Amino acid sequence: MQLKGSRKVGNKFQNPIPTDEAGFNKLLPIMWEYIVNKAENTPRKTLGPFTTDASVYHTPPASGLRVTWMGHSSQLIEIDGKRILTDPVWSSRASFVQWAGPKRFFPAPLPLNSLPKLDAVLISHDHYDHFDEATIRTLAKLNIPFYTSLGVGRYLRQWGVADHLITEMDWGDTAQIGNDCTLTTAPTRHFSGRGIVNRNETLWSAFVIKGHTHNIFFGADSGWFNGFADIGEAYGPFDLTMLEIGAYGKNWPDIHMGPLSAFNAHKALKGKQMMPIHWGTFNLALHAWYEPIEILLELAAKESITLFVPEPGRPTEVTGADFNSEWWIKYKS
């Protein structure tokens, strides 16, 4: 598996292996599934409110690694003295308009203007549930370096991020955050595009984040592929893998993993502890909103995999010990 350098055909980036990206040929069957679906894909009970005590950030984590999950793939990672924000989406909807489209189940737990000083913002790809214009326009005023996949920089520039703060990265590229934190991009099996006509004109990536003590993997969006084993060999083992478990469906298995494939990816990556992300925040698929985490718990119990499942908005240290806040249980109907 090629871990360094993406491939293009014309102006379109290509996946590392042949991939069904659930295009127009799947539109009718997907629409029919939504019509007949009876699962609780949006919570019947209001989730939260969840709030973050920002005073926690005045004290560094004793373990050197702390994560605040803001929902979906947005999280504030404190790793070995650095603060890194991933795929920040603070708007109410993951959409090109704020009057329609997938709506957050709960507001972001911490206002953007209450974030501690950041060392970097990571943008994995340009989909609306990972890359929010309003959020970026606010962060652009704070003089923070942005690291992103090839082609995504043009949006950052349009939204006010200074050119010298933007680093676009191909698969296998490495950048430094300060003196002792290394960022490396890795392939994923997904796609990109913010409209009908510009699919795959920007790249999609995962990130390896290596501090002086900890090594973690932010997987962003991906379907299963054998490249996870190659990434584990090249960059692992990982103290924490952050892998998507939600938004899976039978009509798009190549581009979203779901809990079983994410579980297998964690093992292939040589992960020591797994944090499920990309669930419990938006209605993006047909499964019940809590189904992904409950399937993952069953899988982890069978093979004694160590999980890290914090409550939204609560800064939580990663110590290597199994941790499950069980936050969603009281909201199930």
C-alpha atoms as a PDB file:
ATOM      1  CA  MET A   1       0.000   0.000   0.000  1.00  0.00           C
ATOM      2  CA  GLN A   2       1.364   3.401  -1.000  1.00  0.00           C
ATOM      3  CA  LEU A   3       1.435   5.694   2.056  1.00  0.00           C
ATOM      4  CA  LYS A   4       3.285   8.594   0.443  1.00  0.00           C
ATOM      5  CA  GLY A   5       1.792  10.703  -2.309  1.00  0.00           C
ATOM      6  CA  SER A   6      -1.768  10.737  -3.600  1.00  0.00           C
ATOM      7  CA  ARG A   7      -2.729   9.982  -7.201  1.00  0.00           C
ATOM      8  CA  LYS A   8      -4.834  12.080  -9.574  1.00  0.00           C
ATOM      9  CA  VAL A   9      -6.596  11.356 -12.829  1.00  0.00           C
ATOM     10  CA  GLY A  10      -7.113  14.705 -14.517  1.00  0.00           C
ATOM     11  CA  ASN A  11      -8.089  17.033 -11.689  1.00  0.00           C
ATOM     12  CA  LYS A  12      -9.626  14.273  -9.535  1.00  0.00           C
ATOM     13  CA  PHE A  13      -7.865  12.700  -6.575  1.00  0.00           C
ATOM     14  CA  GLN A  14      -8.106   8.911  -6.389  1.00  0.00           C
ATOM     15  CA  ASN A  15      -8.665   6.559  -3.480  1.00  0.00           C
ATOM     16  CA  PRO A  16      -5.852   4.199  -2.479  1.00  0.00           C
ATOM     17  CA  ILE A  17      -7.923   1.245  -3.757  1.00  0.00           C
ATOM     18  CA  PRO A  18     -10.994   1.087  -6.040  1.00  0.00           C
ATOM     19  CA  THR A  19     -13.931   2.563  -4.125  1.00  0.00           C
ATOM     20  CA  ASP A  20     -17.691   2.886  -4.598  1.00  0.00           C
ATOM     21  CA  GLU A  21     -18.316   6.451  -3.429  1.00  0.00           C
ATOM     22  CA  ALA A  22     -22.134   6.118  -3.361  1.00  0.00           C
ATOM     23  CA  GLY A  23     -22.717   8.531  -6.220  1.00  0.00           C
ATOM     24  CA  PHE A  24     -25.826   9.202  -8.284  1.00  0.00           C
ATOM     25  CA  ASN A  25     -26.243   5.500  -9.031  1.00  0.00           C
ATOM     26  CA  LYS A  26     -27.089   4.946  -5.351  1.00  0.00           C
ATOM     27  CA  LEU A  27     -29.395   7.943  -4.988  1.00  0.00           C
ATOM     28  CA  LEU A  28     -32.734   6.169  -5.533  1.00  0.00           C
ATOM     29  CA  PRO A  29     -32.071   3.177  -3.251  1.00  0.00           C
ATOM     30  CA  ILE A  30     -30.778   5.493  -0.525  1.00  0.00           C
ATOM     31  CA  MET A  31     -33.854   7.728  -0.818  1.00  0.00           C
ATOM     32  CA  TRP A  32     -36.126   4.697  -0.572  1.00  0.00           C
ATOM     33  CA  GLU A  33     -34.316   3.488   2.530  1.00  0.00           C
ATOM     34  CA  TYR A  34     -34.889   6.847   4.175  1.00  0.00           C
ATOM     35  CA  ILE A  35     -38.594   6.718   3.317  1.00  0.00           C
ATOM     36  CA  VAL A  36     -39.155   3.299   4.916  1.00  0.00           C
ATOM     37  CA  ASN A  37     -36.652   3.658   7.774  1.00  0.00           C
ATOM     38  CA  LYS A  38     -38.067   3.424  11.317  1.00  0.00           C
ATOM     39  CA  ALA A  39     -34.886   3.614  13.369  1.00  0.00           C
ATOM     40  CA  GLU A  40     -34.422   6.439  15.881  1.00  0.00           C
ATOM     41  CA  ASN A  41     -31.743   8.184  13.836  1.00  0.00           C
ATOM     42  CA  THR A  42     -32.562  11.489  15.549  1.00  0.00           C
ATOM     43  CA  PRO A  43     -32.922  11.407  19.354  1.00  0.00           C
ATOM     44  CA  ARG A  44     -36.484  11.734  20.618  1.00  0.00           C
ATOM     45  CA  LYS A  45     -35.130  13.276  23.811  1.00  0.00           C
ATOM     46  CA  THR A  46     -33.078  16.467  23.729  1.00  0.00           C
ATOM     47  CA  LEU A  47     -29.411  15.751  24.375  1.00  0.00           C
ATOM     48  CA  GLY A  48     -27.569  17.865  26.913  1.00  0.00           C
ATOM     49  CA  PRO A  49     -26.972  20.660  27.384  1.00  0.00           C
ATOM     50  CA  PHE A  50     -23.303  19.803  27.668  1.00  0.00           C
ATOM     51  CA  THR A  51     -20.897  22.449  28.914  1.00  0.00           C
ATOM     52  CA  THR A  52     -17.125  22.697  29.161  1.00  0.00           C
ATOM     53  CA  ASP A  53     -15.421  24.218  32.169  1.00  0.00           C
ATOM     54  CA  ALA A  54     -12.723  26.190  30.372  1.00  0.00           C
ATOM     55  CA  SER A  55     -10.822  26.780  33.631  1.00  0.00           C
ATOM     56  CA  VAL A  56      -9.616  23.181  33.331  1.00  0.00           C
ATOM     57  CA  TYR A  57      -7.269  24.293  30.566  1.00  0.00           C
ATOM     58  CA  HIS A  58      -5.281  26.426  33.018  1.00  0.00           C
ATOM     59  CA  THR A  59      -3.794  23.179  34.358  1.00  0.00           C
ATOM     60  CA  PRO A  60      -1.950  20.844  31.984  1.00  0.00           C
ATOM     61  CA  PRO A  61      -3.069  17.203  32.023  1.00  0.00           C
ATOM     62  CA  ALA A  62      -1.024  15.121  34.435  1.00  0.00           C
ATOM     63  CA  SER A  63      -0.846  12.291  31.897  1.00  0.00           C
ATOM     64  CA  GLY A  64       0.230  14.639  29.111  1.00  0.00           C
ATOM     65  CA  LEU A  65      -2.814  13.687  27.020  1.00  0.00           C
ATOM     66  CA  ARG A  66      -6.338  15.061  27.422  1.00  0.00           C
ATOM     67  CA  VAL A  67      -9.220  15.209  24.959  1.00  0.00           C
ATOM     68  CA  THR A  68     -12.382  17.292  24.927  1.00  0.00           C
ATOM     69  CA  TRP A  69     -14.883  15.839  22.476  1.00  0.00           C
ATOM     70  CA  MET A  70     -17.071  18.636  21.105  1.00  0.00           C
ATOM     71  CA  GLY A  71     -19.172  16.182  19.081  1.00  0.00           C
ATOM     72  CA  HIS A  72     -18.754  14.338  15.781  1.00  0.00           C
ATOM     73  CA  SER A  73     -15.105  14.730  14.672  1.00  0.00           C
ATOM     74  CA  SER A  74     -14.475  18.032  16.472  1.00  0.00           C
ATOM     75  CA  GLN A  75     -12.199  17.676  19.443  1.00  0.00           C
ATOM     76  CA  LEU A  76      -9.658  19.656  21.384  1.00  0.00           C
ATOM     77  CA  ILE A  77      -6.578  17.495  21.852  1.00  0.00           C
ATOM     78  CA  GLU A  78      -3.979  18.416  24.449  1.00  0.00           C
ATOM     79  CA  ILE A  79      -0.885  16.360  23.717  1.00  0.00           C
ATOM     80  CA  ASP A  80       2.504  16.845  25.368  1.00  0.00           C
ATOM     81  CA  GLY A  81       2.071  20.590  25.795  1.00  0.00           C
ATOM     82  CA  LYS A  82       0.338  21.308  22.465  1.00  0.00           C
ATOM     83  CA  ARG A  83      -3.334  22.114  21.875  1.00  0.00           C
ATOM     84  CA  ILE A  84      -4.782  20.928  18.577  1.00  0.00           C
ATOM     85  CA  LEU A  85      -8.354  21.358  17.310  1.00  0.00           C
ATOM     86  CA  THR A  86      -9.643  18.857  14.737  1.00  0.00           C
ATOM     87  CA  ASP A  87     -12.339  19.344  12.081  1.00  0.00           C
ATOM     88  CA  PRO A  88     -14.145  22.121  13.987  1.00  0.00           C
ATOM     89  CA  VAL A  89     -17.876  22.435  13.276  1.00  0.00           C
ATOM     90  CA  TRP A  90     -19.663  24.808  15.665  1.00  0.00           C
ATOM     91  CA  SER A  91     -22.633  25.725  13.456  1.00  0.00           C
ATOM     92  CA  SER A  92     -26.075  24.283  14.118  1.00  0.00           C
ATOM     93  CA  ARG A  93     -26.191  22.466  10.784  1.00  0.00           C
ATOM     94  CA  ALA A  94     -23.637  20.609   8.698  1.00  0.00           C
ATOM     95  CA  SER A  95     -24.871  22.183   5.516  1.00  0.00           C
ATOM     96  CA  PHE A  96     -24.313  24.929   2.959  1.00  0.00           C
ATOM     97  CA  VAL A  97     -27.271  26.775   4.545  1.00  0.00           C
ATOM     98  CA  GLN A  98     -28.383  27.073   8.171  1.00  0.00           C
ATOM     99  CA  TRP A  99     -32.097  26.620   7.536  1.00  0.00           C
ATOM    100  CA  ALA A 100     -31.833  23.081   6.160  1.00  0.00           C
ATOM    101  CA  GLY A 101     -29.574  20.052   6.385  1.00  0.00           C
ATOM    102  CA  PRO A 102     -28.357  17.808   9.220  1.00  0.00           C
ATOM    103  CA  LYS A 103     -28.787  19.598  12.552  1.00  0.00           C
ATOM    104  CA  ARG A 104     -26.656  19.073  15.645  1.00  0.00           C
ATOM    105  CA  PHE A 105     -28.304  17.050  18.391  1.00  0.00           C
ATOM    106  CA  PHE A 106     -26.729  19.403  20.944  1.00  0.00           C
ATOM    107  CA  PRO A 107     -24.932  22.765  20.719  1.00  0.00           C
ATOM    108  CA  ALA A 108     -21.150  22.806  20.847  1.00  0.00           C
ATOM    109  CA  PRO A 109     -20.281  22.583  24.566  1.00  0.00           C
ATOM    110  CA  LEU A 110     -17.765  25.444  24.565  1.00  0.00           C
ATOM    111  CA  PRO A 111     -18.167  28.770  22.736  1.00  0.00           C
ATOM    112  CA  LEU A 112     -15.437  29.411  20.184  1.00  0.00           C
ATOM    113  CA  ASN A 113     -14.408  32.574  22.003  1.00  0.00           C
ATOM    114  CA  SER A 114     -13.782  30.519  25.161  1.00  0.00           C
ATOM    115  CA  LEU A 115     -11.303  28.122  23.583  1.00  0.00           C
ATOM    116  CA  PRO A 116      -7.821  28.180  25.117  1.00  0.00           C
ATOM    117  CA  LYS A 117      -4.917  29.318  22.958  1.00  0.00           C
ATOM    118  CA  LEU A 118      -4.414  26.798  20.162  1.00  0.00           C
ATOM    119  CA  ASP A 119      -1.225  25.606  18.501  1.00  0.00           C
ATOM    120  CA  ALA A 120      -2.901  24.175  15.401  1.00  0.00           C
ATOM    121  CA  VAL A 121      -6.181  23.424  13.649  1.00  0.00           C
ATOM    122  CA  LEU A 122      -6.410  20.269  11.521  1.00  0.00           C
ATOM    123  CA  ILE A 123      -8.851  19.943   8.611  1.00  0.00           C
ATOM    124  CA  SER A 124      -9.060  16.396   7.237  1.00  0.00           C
ATOM    125  CA  HIS A 125     -11.258  17.140   4.215  1.00  0.00           C
ATOM    126  CA  ASP A 126     -13.829  19.571   2.896  1.00  0.00           C
ATOM    127  CA  HIS A 127     -17.186  17.936   3.722  1.00  0.00           C
ATOM    128  CA  TYR A 128     -19.652  20.112   5.615  1.00  0.00           C
ATOM    129  CA  ASP A 129     -19.671  17.962   8.751  1.00  0.00           C
ATOM    130  CA  HIS A 130     -15.885  18.422   9.058  1.00  0.00           C
ATOM    131  CA  PHE A 131     -15.287  21.855   7.577  1.00  0.00           C
ATOM    132  CA  ASP A 132     -17.624  24.676   8.602  1.00  0.00           C
ATOM    133  CA  GLU A 133     -17.272  28.120   7.036  1.00  0.00           C
ATOM    134  CA  ALA A 134     -18.677  30.119   9.962  1.00  0.00           C
ATOM    135  CA  THR A 135     -16.390  28.355  12.420  1.00  0.00           C
ATOM    136  CA  ILE A 136     -13.322  28.889  10.212  1.00  0.00           C
ATOM    137  CA  ARG A 137     -14.111  32.582   9.733  1.00  0.00           C
ATOM    138  CA  THR A 138     -14.109  33.007  13.516  1.00  0.00           C
ATOM    139  CA  LEU A 139     -10.912  31.009  14.038  1.00  0.00           C
ATOM    140  CA  ALA A 140      -9.216  32.889  11.180  1.00  0.00           C
ATOM    141  CA  LYS A 141      -9.027  35.970  13.391  1.00  0.00           C
ATOM    142  CA  LEU A 142      -6.898  34.179  16.005  1.00  0.00           C
ATOM    143  CA  ASN A 143      -3.620  33.778  14.077  1.00  0.00           C
ATOM    144  CA  ILE A 144      -3.586  29.962  14.381  1.00  0.00           C
ATOM    145  CA  PRO A 145      -1.723  27.679  11.953  1.00  0.00           C
ATOM    146  CA  PHE A 146      -3.974  25.419   9.854  1.00  0.00           C
ATOM    147  CA  TYR A 147      -2.874  22.047   8.483  1.00  0.00           C
ATOM    148  CA  THR A 148      -5.042  20.458   5.838  1.00  0.00           C
ATOM    149  CA  SER A 149      -5.224  18.208   2.799  1.00  0.00           C
ATOM    150  CA  LEU A 150      -4.195  19.296  -0.701  1.00  0.00           C
ATOM    151  CA  GLY A 151      -6.578  21.773  -2.301  1.00  0.00           C
ATOM    152  CA  VAL A 152      -8.501  22.714   0.847  1.00  0.00           C
ATOM    153  CA  GLY A 153      -6.341  25.775   1.396  1.00  0.00           C
ATOM    154  CA  ARG A 154      -8.272  27.771  -1.199  1.00  0.00           C
ATOM    155  CA  TYR A 155     -11.344  27.712   1.046  1.00  0.00           C
ATOM    156  CA  LEU A 156      -9.289  28.749   4.057  1.00  0.00           C
ATOM    157  CA  ARG A 157      -7.941  31.732   2.136  1.00  0.00           C
ATOM    158  CA  GLN A 158     -11.433  32.724   0.994  1.00  0.00           C
ATOM    159  CA  TRP A 159     -12.631  32.617   4.597  1.00  0.00           C
ATOM    160  CA  GLY A 160      -9.932  34.842   5.985  1.00  0.00           C
ATOM    161  CA  VAL A 161      -7.034  32.603   7.026  1.00  0.00           C
ATOM    162  CA  ALA A 162      -3.712  34.244   6.194  1.00  0.00           C
ATOM    163  CA  ASP A 163      -1.725  32.402   3.548  1.00  0.00           C
ATOM    164  CA  HIS A 164       1.362  31.992   5.757  1.00  0.00           C
ATOM    165  CA  LEU A 165      -0.755  30.124   8.321  1.00  0.00           C
ATOM    166  CA  ILE A 166      -1.889  27.446   5.833  1.00  0.00           C
ATOM    167  CA  THR A 167       0.014  24.213   5.254  1.00  0.00           C
ATOM    168  CA  GLU A 168      -1.480  21.892   2.628  1.00  0.00           C
ATOM    169  CA  MET A 169      -0.297  18.305   2.905  1.00  0.00           C
ATOM    170  CA  ASP A 170      -0.217  15.276   0.632  1.00  0.00           C
ATOM    171  CA  TRP A 171      -0.358  11.738   2.033  1.00  0.00           C
ATOM    172  CA  GLY A 172       2.895  11.008   3.841  1.00  0.00           C
ATOM    173  CA  ASP A 173       3.885  14.657   4.267  1.00  0.00           C
ATOM    174  CA  THR A 174       5.237  15.752   7.638  1.00  0.00           C
ATOM    175  CA  ALA A 175       5.053  19.102   9.395  1.00  0.00           C
ATOM    176  CA  GLN A 176       6.223  20.372  12.769  1.00  0.00           C
ATOM    177  CA  ILE A 177       3.973  21.957  15.378  1.00  0.00           C
ATOM    178  CA  GLY A 178       6.520  23.743  17.507  1.00  0.00           C
ATOM    179  CA  ASN A 179       9.744  21.923  18.278  1.00  0.00           C
ATOM    180  CA  ASP A 180       8.531  18.612  19.601  1.00  0.00           C
ATOM    181  CA  CYS A 181       5.252  17.684  17.894  1.00  0.00           C
ATOM    182  CA  THR A 182       5.223  16.029  14.466  1.00  0.00           C
ATOM    183  CA  LEU A 183       2.193  15.886  12.205  1.00  0.00           C
ATOM    184  CA  THR A 184       2.021  13.347   9.366  1.00  0.00           C
ATOM    185  CA  THR A 185      -0.842  12.819   6.921  1.00  0.00           C
ATOM    186  CA  ALA A 186      -1.982   9.320   6.017  1.00  0.00           C
ATOM    187  CA  PRO A 187      -4.333   7.925   3.339  1.00  0.00           C
ATOM    188  CA  THR A 188      -7.995   7.306   3.953  1.00  0.00           C
ATOM    189  CA  ARG A 189     -10.639   5.709   1.740  1.00  0.00           C
ATOM    190  CA  HIS A 190     -13.227   8.427   1.273  1.00  0.00           C
ATOM    191  CA  PHE A 191     -14.009  11.302  -1.126  1.00  0.00           C
ATOM    192  CA  SER A 192     -14.410  15.084  -1.108  1.00  0.00           C
ATOM    193  CA  GLY A 193     -16.515  17.918  -2.476  1.00  0.00           C
ATOM    194  CA  ARG A 194     -18.791  20.706  -1.299  1.00  0.00           C
ATOM    195  CA  GLY A 195     -21.044  20.691  -4.358  1.00  0.00           C
ATOM    196  CA  ILE A 196     -22.392  18.537  -7.148  1.00  0.00           C
ATOM    197  CA  VAL A 197     -19.715  19.342  -9.709  1.00  0.00           C
ATOM    198  CA  ASN A 198     -16.469  19.466  -7.710  1.00  0.00           C
ATOM    199  CA  ARG A 199     -16.226  15.962  -6.257  1.00  0.00           C
ATOM    200  CA  ASN A 200     -12.666  14.797  -5.430  1.00  0.00           C
ATOM    201  CA  GLU A 201     -10.927  17.993  -6.507  1.00  0.00           C
ATOM    202  CA  THR A 202      -9.453  18.259  -2.998  1.00  0.00           C
ATOM    203  CA  LEU A 203      -7.755  15.523  -0.993  1.00  0.00           C
ATOM    204  CA  TRP A 204      -8.944  13.671   2.142  1.00  0.00           C
ATOM    205  CA  SER A 205      -6.542  12.530   4.873  1.00  0.00           C
ATOM    206  CA  ALA A 206      -6.012  11.157   8.346  1.00  0.00           C
ATOM    207  CA  PHE A 207      -3.395  12.574  10.728  1.00  0.00           C
ATOM    208  CA  VAL A 208      -0.688  10.986  12.844  1.00  0.00           C
ATOM    209  CA  ILE A 209       0.090  13.292  15.787  1.00  0.00           C
ATOM    210  CA  LYS A 210       3.321  12.464  17.602  1.00  0.00           C
ATOM    211  CA  GLY A 211       4.438  14.417  20.652  1.00  0.00           C
ATOM    212  CA  HIS A 212       7.540  13.868  22.743  1.00  0.00           C
ATOM    213  CA  THR A 213       5.719  11.176  24.756  1.00  0.00           C
ATOM    214  CA  HIS A 214       2.437  10.260  23.046  1.00  0.00           C
ATOM    215  CA  ASN A 215       1.555   9.056  19.561  1.00  0.00           C
ATOM    216  CA  ILE A 216      -2.094   9.261  18.416  1.00  0.00           C
ATOM    217  CA  PHE A 217      -4.085   8.706  15.220  1.00  0.00           C
ATOM    218  CA  PHE A 218      -6.955  10.944  14.094  1.00  0.00           C
ATOM    219  CA  GLY A 219      -8.713   8.889  11.443  1.00  0.00           C
ATOM    220  CA  ALA A 220     -11.325  11.405  10.223  1.00  0.00           C
ATOM    221  CA  ASP A 221     -13.511   9.646   7.591  1.00  0.00           C
ATOM    222  CA  SER A 222     -12.627   6.384   5.903  1.00  0.00           C
ATOM    223  CA  GLY A 223     -13.974   3.095   4.746  1.00  0.00           C
ATOM    224  CA  TRP A 224     -12.052  -0.041   5.652  1.00  0.00           C
ATOM    225  CA  PHE A 225      -8.919  -0.827   3.637  1.00  0.00           C
ATOM    226  CA  ASN A 226      -5.781  -2.821   4.266  1.00  0.00           C
ATOM    227  CA  GLY A 227      -3.823   0.410   4.422  1.00  0.00           C
ATOM    228  CA  PHE A 228      -4.582   0.624   8.142  1.00  0.00           C
ATOM    229  CA  ALA A 229      -2.107  -2.206   8.740  1.00  0.00           C
ATOM    230  CA  ASP A 230       0.523  -0.381   6.677  1.00  0.00           C
ATOM    231  CA  ILE A 231      -0.099   2.821   8.639  1.00  0.00           C
ATOM    232  CA  GLY A 232       0.283   0.873  11.876  1.00  0.00           C
ATOM    233  CA  GLU A 233       3.566  -0.578  10.669  1.00  0.00           C
ATOM    234  CA  ALA A 234       4.906   2.771   9.484  1.00  0.00           C
ATOM    235  CA  TYR A 235       3.736   5.064  12.287  1.00  0.00           C
ATOM    236  CA  GLY A 236       2.368   2.952  15.150  1.00  0.00           C
ATOM    237  CA  PRO A 237       1.850   1.768  17.751  1.00  0.00           C
ATOM    238  CA  PHE A 238      -0.645   4.415  18.855  1.00  0.00           C
ATOM    239  CA  ASP A 239      -1.565   5.358  22.412  1.00  0.00           C
ATOM    240  CA  LEU A 240      -4.986   6.425  21.125  1.00  0.00           C
ATOM    241  CA  THR A 241      -6.807   5.888  17.837  1.00  0.00           C
ATOM    242  CA  MET A 242      -9.722   8.203  17.037  1.00  0.00           C
ATOM    243  CA  LEU A 243     -11.901   6.362  14.547  1.00  0.00           C
ATOM    244  CA  GLU A 244     -15.323   7.003  13.044  1.00  0.00           C
ATOM    245  CA  ILE A 245     -18.065   4.572  14.033  1.00  0.00           C
ATOM    246  CA  GLY A 246     -21.212   6.364  12.802  1.00  0.00           C
ATOM    247  CA  ALA A 247     -22.865   7.283   9.497  1.00  0.00           C
ATOM    248  CA  TYR A 248     -22.449   3.801   8.004  1.00  0.00           C
ATOM    249  CA  GLY A 249     -24.944   2.127   5.687  1.00  0.00           C
ATOM    250  CA  LYS A 250     -25.273  -0.848   3.353  1.00  0.00           C
ATOM    251  CA  ASN A 251     -25.236   1.440   0.311  1.00  0.00           C
ATOM    252  CA  TRP A 252     -21.922   3.109   1.166  1.00  0.00           C
ATOM    253  CA  PRO A 253     -19.664   0.552   2.931  1.00  0.00           C
ATOM    254  CA  ASP A 254     -16.541   1.675   1.058  1.00  0.00           C
ATOM    255  CA  ILE A 255     -16.473   5.224   2.448  1.00  0.00           C
ATOM    256  CA  HIS A 256     -17.609   4.870   6.097  1.00  0.00           C
ATOM    257  CA  MET A 257     -16.539   2.058   8.380  1.00  0.00           C
ATOM    258  CA  GLY A 258     -19.110   1.621  11.122  1.00  0.00           C
ATOM    259  CA  PRO A 259     -18.217   0.053  14.476  1.00  0.00           C
ATOM    260  CA  LEU A 260     -17.010  -3.352  13.256  1.00  0.00           C
ATOM    261  CA  SER A 261     -14.590  -2.043  10.627  1.00  0.00           C
ATOM    262  CA  ALA A 262     -13.414   0.733  12.967  1.00  0.00           C
ATOM    263  CA  PHE A 263     -12.751  -1.920  15.598  1.00  0.00           C
ATOM    264  CA  ASN A 264     -10.688  -3.880  13.068  1.00  0.00           C
ATOM    265  CA  ALA A 265      -8.897  -0.712  11.962  1.00  0.00           C
ATOM    266  CA  HIS A 266      -7.902  -0.006  15.564  1.00  0.00           C
ATOM    267  CA  LYS A 267      -6.299  -3.440  15.822  1.00  0.00           C
ATOM    268  CA  ALA A 268      -4.596  -3.083  12.434  1.00  0.00           C
ATOM    269  CA  LEU A 269      -3.181   0.284  13.485  1.00  0.00           C
ATOM    270  CA  LYS A 270      -1.631  -1.287  16.603  1.00  0.00           C
ATOM    271  CA  GLY A 271      -3.776   0.928  18.793  1.00  0.00           C
ATOM    272  CA  LYS A 272      -3.601   0.633  22.574  1.00  0.00           C
ATOM    273  CA  GLN A 273      -6.854   2.507  23.247  1.00  0.00           C
ATOM    274  CA  MET A 274      -9.700   3.455  20.912  1.00  0.00           C
ATOM    275  CA  MET A 275     -11.856   6.581  20.966  1.00  0.00           C
ATOM    276  CA  PRO A 276     -15.028   6.384  18.850  1.00  0.00           C
ATOM    277  CA  ILE A 277     -15.822   9.603  16.967  1.00  0.00           C
ATOM    278  CA  HIS A 278     -18.252  10.667  14.214  1.00  0.00           C
ATOM    279  CA  TRP A 279     -21.380   9.527  16.082  1.00  0.00           C
ATOM    280  CA  GLY A 280     -24.080  10.918  18.362  1.00  0.00           C
ATOM    281  CA  THR A 281     -24.077  14.433  16.864  1.00  0.00           C
ATOM    282  CA  PHE A 282     -25.725  14.540  13.411  1.00  0.00           C
ATOM    283  CA  ASN A 283     -28.317  12.432  11.614  1.00  0.00           C
ATOM    284  CA  LEU A 284     -26.259  11.278   8.637  1.00  0.00           C
ATOM    285  CA  ALA A 285     -27.427   7.680   8.212  1.00  0.00           C
ATOM    286  CA  LEU A 286     -30.271   5.248   8.782  1.00  0.00           C
ATOM    287  CA  HIS A 287     -29.124   3.561  11.974  1.00  0.00           C
ATOM    288  CA  ALA A 288     -30.313   4.599  15.441  1.00  0.00           C
ATOM    289  CA  TRP A 289     -28.181   7.444  16.771  1.00  0.00           C
ATOM    290  CA  TYR A 290     -26.884   5.317  19.670  1.00  0.00           C
ATOM    291  CA  GLU A 291     -26.454   2.061  17.719  1.00  0.00           C
ATOM    292  CA  PRO A 292     -22.773   2.543  16.770  1.00  0.00           C
ATOM    293  CA  ILE A 293     -21.497   2.909  20.329  1.00  0.00           C
ATOM    294  CA  GLU A 294     -23.516  -0.018  21.641  1.00  0.00           C
ATOM    295  CA  ILE A 295     -22.243  -2.338  18.910  1.00  0.00           C
ATOM    296  CA  LEU A 296     -18.691  -1.161  19.600  1.00  0.00           C
ATOM    297  CA  LEU A 297     -19.075  -1.906  23.321  1.00  0.00           C
ATOM    298  CA  GLU A 298     -20.178  -5.447  22.528  1.00  0.00           C
ATOM    299  CA  LEU A 299     -17.178  -5.965  20.253  1.00  0.00           C
ATOM    300  CA  ALA A 300     -14.754  -4.510  22.783  1.00  0.00           C
ATOM    301  CA  ALA A 301     -16.087  -6.715  25.567  1.00  0.00           C
ATOM    302  CA  LYS A 302     -15.534  -9.861  23.498  1.00  0.00           C
ATOM    303  CA  GLU A 303     -11.885  -9.069  22.779  1.00  0.00           C
ATOM    304  CA  SER A 304     -10.987  -6.905  25.798  1.00  0.00           C
ATOM    305  CA  ILE A 305     -10.205  -3.819  23.727  1.00  0.00           C
ATOM    306  CA  THR A 306      -9.596  -0.709  25.837  1.00  0.00           C
ATOM    307  CA  LEU A 307     -11.987   2.128  24.965  1.00  0.00           C
ATOM    308  CA  PHE A 308     -12.043   5.853  25.683  1.00  0.00           C
ATOM    309  CA  VAL A 309     -15.617   7.221  25.571  1.00  0.00           C
ATOM    310  CA  PRO A 310     -15.840  10.672  27.191  1.00  0.00           C
ATOM    311  CA  GLU A 311     -18.963  12.769  27.648  1.00  0.00           C
ATOM    312  CA  PRO A 312     -19.333  15.607  25.131  1.00  0.00           C
ATOM    313  CA  GLY A 313     -17.612  18.741  26.340  1.00  0.00           C
ATOM    314  CA  ARG A 314     -15.867  17.205  29.339  1.00  0.00           C
ATOM    315  CA  PRO A 315     -12.051  17.477  29.254  1.00  0.00           C
ATOM    316  CA  THR A 316     -10.918  13.927  30.020  1.00  0.00           C
ATOM    317  CA  GLU A 317      -7.418  12.575  30.521  1.00  0.00           C
ATOM    318  CA  VAL A 318      -6.243   9.588  28.538  1.00  0.00           C
ATOM    319  CA  THR A 319      -4.372   7.361  30.969  1.00  0.00           C
ATOM    320  CA  GLY A 320      -4.518   4.021  29.182  1.00  0.00           C
ATOM    321  CA  ALA A 321      -7.206   2.693  31.510  1.00  0.00           C
ATOM    322  CA  ASP A 322     -10.571   1.747  30.040  1.00  0.00           C
ATOM    323  CA  PHE A 323     -13.006   4.671  30.335  1.00  0.00           C
ATOM    324  CA  ASN A 324     -16.685   4.797  29.414  1.00  0.00           C
ATOM    325  CA  SER A 325     -18.809   7.733  30.591  1.00  0.00           C
ATOM    326  CA  GLU A 326     -22.035   6.033  29.370  1.00  0.00           C
ATOM    327  CA  TRP A 327     -23.354   9.552  28.727  1.00  0.00           C
ATOM    328  CA  TRP A 328     -25.892   8.576  26.047  1.00  0.00           C
ATOM    329  CA  ILE A 329     -27.779   5.935  28.015  1.00  0.00           C
ATOM    330  CA  LYS A 330     -30.181   8.276  29.795  1.00  0.00           C
ATOM    331  CA  TYR A 331     -31.221   9.825  26.472  1.00  0.00           C
ATOM    332  CA  LYS A 332     -32.327   6.593  24.815  1.00  0.00           C
ATOM    333  CA  SER A 333     -36.090   6.387  24.370  1.00  0.00           C
END
